Amino acid sequence: MAIKPFHELTLADDFMFGEVMRRPENAKPFLEALLGKKIGSITAIDKQKELTDGAALHGVRLDVCLEDESRTQYDVEMQTGASYGLEKRIRYYQSSIDRRTLKSAESYRELRQSFVIFICTDDYYKRGLAVYRRRSVIEGAEDIAYDDGSHAYILNASFTEGNSSAEVLDFLRYIDAGYRGRPLDVRSGYVAQIEQAVEAVKTDEEMEGTYMTLAMKLQDMKWEGRQEGRQEGEESKLFANLKALMENLDIPADKAMDLLNVPASDRPKYRKMLDE
C-alpha cells in the first residue's frame, strides 16, 4: 500500500490528529464543548507513548493524553473505518491511566477522574447518534449513579442525530468531510482554528520528514512480514510484528492491528495467540 502523501493528510489521519489535538489550545475547546464544563488550564501532555526510535521520530504520538490543573486525565483517540471491541479498548486505556497516575504511596481514593474519548469516522453502534456516552447505574435502582470517576465517550463523525453542542457537531462534520473527501465551507470559529492548525502542520518540513520516516517504518514492517512470510509463514511473522509494535509503542492489540492492516476476519486468531 502506497504511503499517503503528507499534503493529503486530514484530521482523521492518526499522525495529523495527534499533532493538532495534542496542543492545549486545540484540545481544550473541544473537551469543554463535549463535556459541557469549563476545564482548567492544561498542565501536562503525557509523553509515555512517544515513539522514540531515533532522533527523527522523537515526539511522534498516536493518541492525545492530557491532564488539567485538577489532575483530571483525558485520552482522545482517532478511529478510522470499521471498529471492533472499543469497549474493551476503553477499559484497557482507563486501567492504564490509573496505573500511570496513581503513585505507589497513594490510596485508591486518590484515583483521578478520567475521560477516554474515541472519535470514529463510522457509526460504531449504528444508531445515528453523534455522541454515545457511557452511563453506569445500579441495576434495579437506576436513579443511583455508579460513579467510579471513569468516563467513556464514543463519537460518530457520520452522525444523523446531533445530540451534542454545535461546536462538537461542526468538529465532527469537519472530520467526516476530510475523511470522505467532501468539501466543507470553513469560515470562522473553532473549526477554522483547527483547519489553520492542520495547514500549519502541512507547511512544517521537519514534521513532513517525521511523518515519512514513521510511515516508511510501518510499511517496512508490513513488507518484511510478507517477504519472510513466504519462508516462515505469514502468520508467525505478522504475529511477531504485532507484538513488537505493541511493545515499542505501548499500545493495545487492536490499535497495533489497525496500523498493520490486519483483516477483521483474522483478528480473533491473533488475539487468541496473544492470550496464550
C-alpha atoms as a PDB file:
ATOM      1  CA  MET A   1       0.000   0.000   0.000  1.00  0.00           C
ATOM      2  CA  ALA A   2       1.405   3.391  -1.013  1.00  0.00           C
ATOM      3  CA  ILE A   3       2.165   5.948   1.674  1.00  0.00           C
ATOM      4  CA  LYS A   4      -0.446   8.679   1.768  1.00  0.00           C
ATOM      5  CA  PRO A   5       1.156  11.960   0.665  1.00  0.00           C
ATOM      6  CA  PHE A   6       1.764  14.339   3.543  1.00  0.00           C
ATOM      7  CA  HIS A   7      -0.173  17.185   1.912  1.00  0.00           C
ATOM      8  CA  GLU A   8      -3.243  14.945   1.662  1.00  0.00           C
ATOM      9  CA  LEU A   9      -3.444  14.212   5.382  1.00  0.00           C
ATOM     10  CA  THR A  10      -6.615  15.277   7.166  1.00  0.00           C
ATOM     11  CA  LEU A  11      -7.545  15.416  10.830  1.00  0.00           C
ATOM     12  CA  ALA A  12      -8.870  11.855  10.507  1.00  0.00           C
ATOM     13  CA  ASP A  13      -5.313  10.569   9.968  1.00  0.00           C
ATOM     14  CA  ASP A  14      -3.592   9.424  13.161  1.00  0.00           C
ATOM     15  CA  PHE A  15      -0.451  11.467  12.598  1.00  0.00           C
ATOM     16  CA  MET A  16      -2.256  14.731  11.882  1.00  0.00           C
ATOM     17  CA  PHE A  17      -4.770  14.197  14.666  1.00  0.00           C
ATOM     18  CA  GLY A  18      -2.005  13.643  17.198  1.00  0.00           C
ATOM     19  CA  GLU A  19      -0.026  16.698  16.138  1.00  0.00           C
ATOM     20  CA  VAL A  20      -3.020  19.061  16.099  1.00  0.00           C
ATOM     21  CA  MET A  21      -5.039  17.834  19.078  1.00  0.00           C
ATOM     22  CA  ARG A  22      -2.150  17.352  21.480  1.00  0.00           C
ATOM     23  CA  ARG A  23      -1.857  21.139  21.620  1.00  0.00           C
ATOM     24  CA  PRO A  24      -3.827  22.551  24.565  1.00  0.00           C
ATOM     25  CA  GLU A  25      -5.249  25.468  22.593  1.00  0.00           C
ATOM     26  CA  ASN A  26      -6.871  22.968  20.214  1.00  0.00           C
ATOM     27  CA  ALA A  27      -7.839  20.218  22.645  1.00  0.00           C
ATOM     28  CA  LYS A  28      -9.283  22.352  25.455  1.00  0.00           C
ATOM     29  CA  PRO A  29     -12.183  23.962  23.497  1.00  0.00           C
ATOM     30  CA  PHE A  30     -13.169  20.554  22.122  1.00  0.00           C
ATOM     31  CA  LEU A  31     -13.202  18.937  25.557  1.00  0.00           C
ATOM     32  CA  GLU A  32     -15.181  21.805  27.065  1.00  0.00           C
ATOM     33  CA  ALA A  33     -17.783  21.651  24.279  1.00  0.00           C
ATOM     34  CA  LEU A  34     -18.127  17.872  24.533  1.00  0.00           C
ATOM     35  CA  LEU A  35     -18.214  17.593  28.320  1.00  0.00           C
ATOM     36  CA  GLY A  36     -20.242  20.748  28.886  1.00  0.00           C
ATOM     37  CA  LYS A  37     -17.945  22.109  31.558  1.00  0.00           C
ATOM     38  CA  LYS A  38     -15.078  24.515  31.959  1.00  0.00           C
ATOM     39  CA  ILE A  39     -11.670  22.924  32.168  1.00  0.00           C
ATOM     40  CA  GLY A  40      -8.766  24.446  33.997  1.00  0.00           C
ATOM     41  CA  SER A  41      -5.532  25.033  32.172  1.00  0.00           C
ATOM     42  CA  ILE A  42      -3.878  22.025  30.574  1.00  0.00           C
ATOM     43  CA  THR A  43      -0.838  21.384  32.727  1.00  0.00           C
ATOM     44  CA  ALA A  44       0.648  18.252  31.212  1.00  0.00           C
ATOM     45  CA  ILE A  45       0.824  16.344  27.968  1.00  0.00           C
ATOM     46  CA  ASP A  46       1.563  12.687  28.578  1.00  0.00           C
ATOM     47  CA  LYS A  47       4.632  11.579  26.628  1.00  0.00           C
ATOM     48  CA  GLN A  48       4.688   7.995  27.833  1.00  0.00           C
ATOM     49  CA  LYS A  49       3.545   6.625  24.499  1.00  0.00           C
ATOM     50  CA  GLU A  50       6.005   8.578  22.392  1.00  0.00           C
ATOM     51  CA  LEU A  51       7.832   6.694  19.677  1.00  0.00           C
ATOM     52  CA  THR A  52      11.493   7.465  20.354  1.00  0.00           C
ATOM     53  CA  ASP A  53      13.228   5.169  17.892  1.00  0.00           C
ATOM     54  CA  GLY A  54      15.933   7.611  16.911  1.00  0.00           C
ATOM     55  CA  ALA A  55      16.001  11.404  16.878  1.00  0.00           C
ATOM     56  CA  ALA A  56      13.972  11.635  13.686  1.00  0.00           C
ATOM     57  CA  LEU A  57      10.978  10.049  15.396  1.00  0.00           C
ATOM     58  CA  HIS A  58      11.237  11.828  18.732  1.00  0.00           C
ATOM     59  CA  GLY A  59       7.877  13.091  19.872  1.00  0.00           C
ATOM     60  CA  VAL A  60       5.656  11.132  17.474  1.00  0.00           C
ATOM     61  CA  ARG A  61       2.409  10.114  19.156  1.00  0.00           C
ATOM     62  CA  LEU A  62      -0.550   8.044  18.095  1.00  0.00           C
ATOM     63  CA  ASP A  63      -3.031   9.441  20.588  1.00  0.00           C
ATOM     64  CA  VAL A  64      -3.668  12.502  22.730  1.00  0.00           C
ATOM     65  CA  CYS A  65      -3.296  12.252  26.509  1.00  0.00           C
ATOM     66  CA  LEU A  66      -3.748  15.440  28.537  1.00  0.00           C
ATOM     67  CA  GLU A  67      -4.008  16.415  32.186  1.00  0.00           C
ATOM     68  CA  ASP A  68      -5.618  19.574  33.566  1.00  0.00           C
ATOM     69  CA  GLU A  69      -4.793  21.551  36.688  1.00  0.00           C
ATOM     70  CA  SER A  70      -7.106  19.368  38.817  1.00  0.00           C
ATOM     71  CA  ARG A  71      -5.177  16.309  37.538  1.00  0.00           C
ATOM     72  CA  THR A  72      -8.161  15.033  35.555  1.00  0.00           C
ATOM     73  CA  GLN A  73      -6.949  12.778  32.744  1.00  0.00           C
ATOM     74  CA  TYR A  74      -8.129  12.964  29.125  1.00  0.00           C
ATOM     75  CA  ASP A  75      -7.285  10.378  26.461  1.00  0.00           C
ATOM     76  CA  VAL A  76      -8.597  11.224  22.979  1.00  0.00           C
ATOM     77  CA  GLU A  77      -8.318   8.675  20.155  1.00  0.00           C
ATOM     78  CA  MET A  78      -8.995   8.845  16.431  1.00  0.00           C
ATOM     79  CA  GLN A  79     -10.515   5.698  14.887  1.00  0.00           C
ATOM     80  CA  THR A  80     -10.986   5.398  11.126  1.00  0.00           C
ATOM     81  CA  GLY A  81     -13.030   2.775   9.328  1.00  0.00           C
ATOM     82  CA  ALA A  82     -14.858  -0.114  10.951  1.00  0.00           C
ATOM     83  CA  SER A  83     -14.163  -0.521  14.669  1.00  0.00           C
ATOM     84  CA  TYR A  84     -14.171  -3.605  16.871  1.00  0.00           C
ATOM     85  CA  GLY A  85     -14.067  -4.067  20.624  1.00  0.00           C
ATOM     86  CA  LEU A  86     -13.927  -0.401  21.569  1.00  0.00           C
ATOM     87  CA  GLU A  87     -15.482  -1.142  24.948  1.00  0.00           C
ATOM     88  CA  LYS A  88     -12.530  -3.335  25.938  1.00  0.00           C
ATOM     89  CA  ARG A  89     -10.034  -0.899  24.498  1.00  0.00           C
ATOM     90  CA  ILE A  90     -11.587   1.823  26.631  1.00  0.00           C
ATOM     91  CA  ARG A  91     -11.338  -0.431  29.672  1.00  0.00           C
ATOM     92  CA  TYR A  92      -7.674  -1.084  28.874  1.00  0.00           C
ATOM     93  CA  TYR A  93      -6.903   2.600  28.430  1.00  0.00           C
ATOM     94  CA  GLN A  94      -8.617   3.590  31.647  1.00  0.00           C
ATOM     95  CA  SER A  95      -6.766   0.944  33.615  1.00  0.00           C
ATOM     96  CA  SER A  96      -3.524   2.206  32.060  1.00  0.00           C
ATOM     97  CA  ILE A  97      -4.360   5.749  33.144  1.00  0.00           C
ATOM     98  CA  ASP A  98      -4.981   4.545  36.698  1.00  0.00           C
ATOM     99  CA  ARG A  99      -1.687   2.655  36.870  1.00  0.00           C
ATOM    100  CA  ARG A 100       0.226   5.559  35.400  1.00  0.00           C
ATOM    101  CA  THR A 101      -1.203   8.329  37.558  1.00  0.00           C
ATOM    102  CA  LEU A 102      -1.692   6.699  40.973  1.00  0.00           C
ATOM    103  CA  LYS A 103       1.567   6.917  42.865  1.00  0.00           C
ATOM    104  CA  SER A 104       2.706   3.937  44.913  1.00  0.00           C
ATOM    105  CA  ALA A 105       2.156   5.740  48.219  1.00  0.00           C
ATOM    106  CA  GLU A 106      -1.339   6.961  47.317  1.00  0.00           C
ATOM    107  CA  SER A 107      -4.644   5.353  48.270  1.00  0.00           C
ATOM    108  CA  TYR A 108      -7.110   4.176  45.621  1.00  0.00           C
ATOM    109  CA  ARG A 109      -9.274   7.051  46.894  1.00  0.00           C
ATOM    110  CA  GLU A 110      -6.824   9.320  45.069  1.00  0.00           C
ATOM    111  CA  LEU A 111      -7.646   7.850  41.649  1.00  0.00           C
ATOM    112  CA  ARG A 112      -8.102  10.663  39.141  1.00  0.00           C
ATOM    113  CA  GLN A 113     -11.177  11.448  37.120  1.00  0.00           C
ATOM    114  CA  SER A 114     -10.535  10.062  33.653  1.00  0.00           C
ATOM    115  CA  PHE A 115     -12.166  10.543  30.270  1.00  0.00           C
ATOM    116  CA  VAL A 116     -11.459   8.207  27.347  1.00  0.00           C
ATOM    117  CA  ILE A 117     -12.888   9.570  24.102  1.00  0.00           C
ATOM    118  CA  PHE A 118     -12.947   7.767  20.766  1.00  0.00           C
ATOM    119  CA  ILE A 119     -13.739   9.809  17.668  1.00  0.00           C
ATOM    120  CA  CYS A 120     -14.888   7.380  14.969  1.00  0.00           C
ATOM    121  CA  THR A 121     -15.360   8.075  11.283  1.00  0.00           C
ATOM    122  CA  ASP A 122     -18.053   5.375  11.180  1.00  0.00           C
ATOM    123  CA  ASP A 123     -21.066   4.811  13.411  1.00  0.00           C
ATOM    124  CA  TYR A 124     -19.923   2.238  15.982  1.00  0.00           C
ATOM    125  CA  TYR A 125     -23.386   1.449  17.341  1.00  0.00           C
ATOM    126  CA  LYS A 126     -25.324   2.094  14.100  1.00  0.00           C
ATOM    127  CA  ARG A 127     -27.899   4.269  15.856  1.00  0.00           C
ATOM    128  CA  GLY A 128     -27.096   7.593  14.205  1.00  0.00           C
ATOM    129  CA  LEU A 129     -26.125   9.499  17.348  1.00  0.00           C
ATOM    130  CA  ALA A 130     -23.254  11.960  17.240  1.00  0.00           C
ATOM    131  CA  VAL A 131     -22.200  11.122  20.800  1.00  0.00           C
ATOM    132  CA  TYR A 132     -22.569   7.861  22.706  1.00  0.00           C
ATOM    133  CA  ARG A 133     -21.806   8.375  26.388  1.00  0.00           C
ATOM    134  CA  ARG A 134     -21.424   5.521  28.838  1.00  0.00           C
ATOM    135  CA  ARG A 135     -23.610   5.865  31.902  1.00  0.00           C
ATOM    136  CA  SER A 136     -23.163   3.440  34.801  1.00  0.00           C
ATOM    137  CA  VAL A 137     -26.062   2.910  37.192  1.00  0.00           C
ATOM    138  CA  ILE A 138     -27.150   0.348  39.762  1.00  0.00           C
ATOM    139  CA  GLU A 139     -29.477  -2.269  38.275  1.00  0.00           C
ATOM    140  CA  GLY A 140     -32.880  -2.060  39.911  1.00  0.00           C
ATOM    141  CA  ALA A 141     -32.094   1.416  41.223  1.00  0.00           C
ATOM    142  CA  GLU A 142     -31.259   3.309  38.049  1.00  0.00           C
ATOM    143  CA  ASP A 143     -31.500   6.654  39.815  1.00  0.00           C
ATOM    144  CA  ILE A 144     -28.280   5.768  41.633  1.00  0.00           C
ATOM    145  CA  ALA A 145     -25.166   6.524  39.598  1.00  0.00           C
ATOM    146  CA  TYR A 146     -22.251   4.136  39.861  1.00  0.00           C
ATOM    147  CA  ASP A 147     -19.579   6.796  39.954  1.00  0.00           C
ATOM    148  CA  ASP A 148     -16.040   5.425  39.899  1.00  0.00           C
ATOM    149  CA  GLY A 149     -14.625   8.546  38.260  1.00  0.00           C
ATOM    150  CA  SER A 150     -14.151   6.959  34.827  1.00  0.00           C
ATOM    151  CA  HIS A 151     -15.999   8.249  31.785  1.00  0.00           C
ATOM    152  CA  ALA A 152     -16.245   6.940  28.236  1.00  0.00           C
ATOM    153  CA  TYR A 153     -17.429   8.630  25.052  1.00  0.00           C
ATOM    154  CA  ILE A 154     -17.656   7.238  21.517  1.00  0.00           C
ATOM    155  CA  LEU A 155     -18.248   9.911  18.882  1.00  0.00           C
ATOM    156  CA  ASN A 156     -19.628   9.353  15.404  1.00  0.00           C
ATOM    157  CA  ALA A 157     -18.444  11.651  12.594  1.00  0.00           C
ATOM    158  CA  SER A 158     -21.123  10.290  10.244  1.00  0.00           C
ATOM    159  CA  PHE A 159     -23.977  11.087  12.631  1.00  0.00           C
ATOM    160  CA  THR A 160     -27.568  11.703  11.583  1.00  0.00           C
ATOM    161  CA  GLU A 161     -28.819  12.814  15.003  1.00  0.00           C
ATOM    162  CA  GLY A 162     -26.987  15.775  16.504  1.00  0.00           C
ATOM    163  CA  ASN A 163     -27.215  15.106  20.230  1.00  0.00           C
ATOM    164  CA  SER A 164     -24.355  17.407  21.220  1.00  0.00           C
ATOM    165  CA  SER A 165     -23.286  21.037  21.123  1.00  0.00           C
ATOM    166  CA  ALA A 166     -22.943  22.967  17.870  1.00  0.00           C
ATOM    167  CA  GLU A 167     -19.162  23.120  18.300  1.00  0.00           C
ATOM    168  CA  VAL A 168     -18.864  19.348  18.622  1.00  0.00           C
ATOM    169  CA  LEU A 169     -21.173  18.729  15.671  1.00  0.00           C
ATOM    170  CA  ASP A 170     -19.204  21.141  13.464  1.00  0.00           C
ATOM    171  CA  PHE A 171     -15.984  19.411  14.543  1.00  0.00           C
ATOM    172  CA  LEU A 172     -17.408  16.003  13.599  1.00  0.00           C
ATOM    173  CA  ARG A 173     -18.610  17.329  10.239  1.00  0.00           C
ATOM    174  CA  TYR A 174     -15.109  18.641   9.598  1.00  0.00           C
ATOM    175  CA  ILE A 175     -13.572  15.236  10.323  1.00  0.00           C
ATOM    176  CA  ASP A 176     -16.159  13.474   8.184  1.00  0.00           C
ATOM    177  CA  ALA A 177     -15.633  15.840   5.239  1.00  0.00           C
ATOM    178  CA  GLY A 178     -11.863  15.363   5.330  1.00  0.00           C
ATOM    179  CA  TYR A 179     -12.081  11.594   5.687  1.00  0.00           C
ATOM    180  CA  ARG A 180     -14.548  11.177   2.817  1.00  0.00           C
ATOM    181  CA  GLY A 181     -13.023  13.872   0.590  1.00  0.00           C
ATOM    182  CA  ARG A 182     -16.059  16.119   0.665  1.00  0.00           C
ATOM    183  CA  PRO A 183     -15.943  19.921   0.503  1.00  0.00           C
ATOM    184  CA  LEU A 184     -16.797  21.864   3.646  1.00  0.00           C
ATOM    185  CA  ASP A 185     -17.076  25.629   3.970  1.00  0.00           C
ATOM    186  CA  VAL A 186     -14.877  26.607   6.927  1.00  0.00           C
ATOM    187  CA  ARG A 187     -15.123  30.290   7.719  1.00  0.00           C
ATOM    188  CA  SER A 188     -14.784  31.036  11.417  1.00  0.00           C
ATOM    189  CA  GLY A 189     -14.938  29.652  14.921  1.00  0.00           C
ATOM    190  CA  TYR A 190     -13.303  26.592  16.398  1.00  0.00           C
ATOM    191  CA  VAL A 191     -13.285  24.541  13.188  1.00  0.00           C
ATOM    192  CA  ALA A 192     -11.470  27.376  11.397  1.00  0.00           C
ATOM    193  CA  GLN A 193      -8.860  27.276  14.158  1.00  0.00           C
ATOM    194  CA  ILE A 194      -8.415  23.526  13.646  1.00  0.00           C
ATOM    195  CA  GLU A 195      -8.144  23.991   9.879  1.00  0.00           C
ATOM    196  CA  GLN A 196      -5.398  26.567  10.396  1.00  0.00           C
ATOM    197  CA  ALA A 197      -3.564  24.156  12.699  1.00  0.00           C
ATOM    198  CA  VAL A 198      -3.781  21.386  10.092  1.00  0.00           C
ATOM    199  CA  GLU A 199      -2.387  23.690   7.416  1.00  0.00           C
ATOM    200  CA  ALA A 200       0.411  24.792   9.753  1.00  0.00           C
ATOM    201  CA  VAL A 201       1.496  21.170  10.225  1.00  0.00           C
ATOM    202  CA  LYS A 202       1.451  20.621   6.464  1.00  0.00           C
ATOM    203  CA  THR A 203       3.873  23.517   5.909  1.00  0.00           C
ATOM    204  CA  ASP A 204       6.335  22.220   8.508  1.00  0.00           C
ATOM    205  CA  GLU A 205       9.127  20.463   6.601  1.00  0.00           C
ATOM    206  CA  GLU A 206      10.525  18.820   9.723  1.00  0.00           C
ATOM    207  CA  MET A 207       7.095  17.428  10.515  1.00  0.00           C
ATOM    208  CA  GLU A 208       6.824  16.050   6.991  1.00  0.00           C
ATOM    209  CA  GLY A 209      10.140  14.258   7.442  1.00  0.00           C
ATOM    210  CA  THR A 210       8.962  12.758  10.722  1.00  0.00           C
ATOM    211  CA  TYR A 211       5.731  11.558   9.119  1.00  0.00           C
ATOM    212  CA  MET A 212       7.528   9.952   6.188  1.00  0.00           C
ATOM    213  CA  THR A 213      10.002   8.212   8.497  1.00  0.00           C
ATOM    214  CA  LEU A 214       7.205   6.752  10.586  1.00  0.00           C
ATOM    215  CA  ALA A 215       5.127   5.784   7.550  1.00  0.00           C
ATOM    216  CA  MET A 216       8.068   4.049   5.887  1.00  0.00           C
ATOM    217  CA  LYS A 217       8.926   2.213   9.094  1.00  0.00           C
ATOM    218  CA  LEU A 218       5.407   0.835   9.324  1.00  0.00           C
ATOM    219  CA  GLN A 219       5.433  -0.010   5.618  1.00  0.00           C
ATOM    220  CA  ASP A 220       8.733  -1.841   6.011  1.00  0.00           C
ATOM    221  CA  MET A 221       7.273  -3.940   8.803  1.00  0.00           C
ATOM    222  CA  LYS A 222       4.378  -4.940   6.552  1.00  0.00           C
ATOM    223  CA  TRP A 223       6.725  -5.692   3.625  1.00  0.00           C
ATOM    224  CA  GLU A 224       9.092  -7.750   5.766  1.00  0.00           C
ATOM    225  CA  GLY A 225       6.142  -9.705   7.064  1.00  0.00           C
ATOM    226  CA  ARG A 226       5.078 -10.566   3.517  1.00  0.00           C
ATOM    227  CA  GLN A 227       8.586 -11.444   2.322  1.00  0.00           C
ATOM    228  CA  GLU A 228       9.687 -13.511   5.295  1.00  0.00           C
ATOM    229  CA  GLY A 229       6.230 -14.993   5.469  1.00  0.00           C
ATOM    230  CA  ARG A 230       6.935 -16.847   2.239  1.00  0.00           C
ATOM    231  CA  GLN A 231       9.619 -18.792   4.099  1.00  0.00           C
ATOM    232  CA  GLU A 232       8.459 -18.787   7.727  1.00  0.00           C
ATOM    233  CA  GLY A 233       4.730 -18.467   7.296  1.00  0.00           C
ATOM    234  CA  GLU A 234       2.961 -15.135   7.090  1.00  0.00           C
ATOM    235  CA  GLU A 235       1.051 -15.793  10.262  1.00  0.00           C
ATOM    236  CA  SER A 236       4.105 -16.159  12.517  1.00  0.00           C
ATOM    237  CA  LYS A 237       5.881 -13.116  11.066  1.00  0.00           C
ATOM    238  CA  LEU A 238       2.824 -10.910  11.307  1.00  0.00           C
ATOM    239  CA  PHE A 239       2.366 -12.072  14.875  1.00  0.00           C
ATOM    240  CA  ALA A 240       5.976 -11.110  15.666  1.00  0.00           C
ATOM    241  CA  ASN A 241       5.480  -7.671  14.111  1.00  0.00           C
ATOM    242  CA  LEU A 242       2.252  -7.260  16.032  1.00  0.00           C
ATOM    243  CA  LYS A 243       3.953  -7.968  19.360  1.00  0.00           C
ATOM    244  CA  ALA A 244       6.869  -5.686  18.502  1.00  0.00           C
ATOM    245  CA  LEU A 245       4.553  -2.806  17.644  1.00  0.00           C
ATOM    246  CA  MET A 246       2.579  -3.270  20.873  1.00  0.00           C
ATOM    247  CA  GLU A 247       5.774  -3.238  22.942  1.00  0.00           C
ATOM    248  CA  ASN A 248       7.524  -0.380  21.132  1.00  0.00           C
ATOM    249  CA  LEU A 249       4.523   1.974  21.114  1.00  0.00           C
ATOM    250  CA  ASP A 250       2.876   0.693  24.313  1.00  0.00           C
ATOM    251  CA  ILE A 251      -0.449   0.242  22.541  1.00  0.00           C
ATOM    252  CA  PRO A 252      -3.137  -2.457  22.763  1.00  0.00           C
ATOM    253  CA  ALA A 253      -3.542  -5.234  20.227  1.00  0.00           C
ATOM    254  CA  ASP A 254      -6.433  -3.655  18.321  1.00  0.00           C
ATOM    255  CA  LYS A 255      -4.511  -0.424  17.739  1.00  0.00           C
ATOM    256  CA  ALA A 256      -1.471  -2.377  16.524  1.00  0.00           C
ATOM    257  CA  MET A 257      -3.662  -4.440  14.189  1.00  0.00           C
ATOM    258  CA  ASP A 258      -5.147  -1.224  12.812  1.00  0.00           C
ATOM    259  CA  LEU A 259      -1.658   0.029  11.962  1.00  0.00           C
ATOM    260  CA  LEU A 260      -0.678  -3.282  10.341  1.00  0.00           C
ATOM    261  CA  ASN A 261      -3.972  -3.527   8.402  1.00  0.00           C
ATOM    262  CA  VAL A 262      -4.822  -6.929   9.848  1.00  0.00           C
ATOM    263  CA  PRO A 263      -8.151  -8.038   8.295  1.00  0.00           C
ATOM    264  CA  ALA A 264     -11.094  -8.134  10.681  1.00  0.00           C
ATOM    265  CA  SER A 265     -11.617 -11.828   9.949  1.00  0.00           C
ATOM    266  CA  ASP A 266      -8.077 -12.641  11.174  1.00  0.00           C
ATOM    267  CA  ARG A 267      -8.128 -10.579  14.369  1.00  0.00           C
ATOM    268  CA  PRO A 268      -9.745 -13.167  16.681  1.00  0.00           C
ATOM    269  CA  LYS A 269      -6.965 -15.606  15.749  1.00  0.00           C
ATOM    270  CA  TYR A 270      -4.218 -13.142  16.696  1.00  0.00           C
ATOM    271  CA  ARG A 271      -5.992 -12.126  19.902  1.00  0.00           C
ATOM    272  CA  LYS A 272      -6.055 -15.791  20.895  1.00  0.00           C
ATOM    273  CA  MET A 273      -2.343 -16.147  20.089  1.00  0.00           C
ATOM    274  CA  LEU A 274      -1.577 -13.113  22.277  1.00  0.00           C
ATOM    275  CA  ASP A 275      -3.505 -14.633  25.166  1.00  0.00           C
ATOM    276  CA  GLU A 276      -1.589 -17.898  25.050  1.00  0.00           C
END
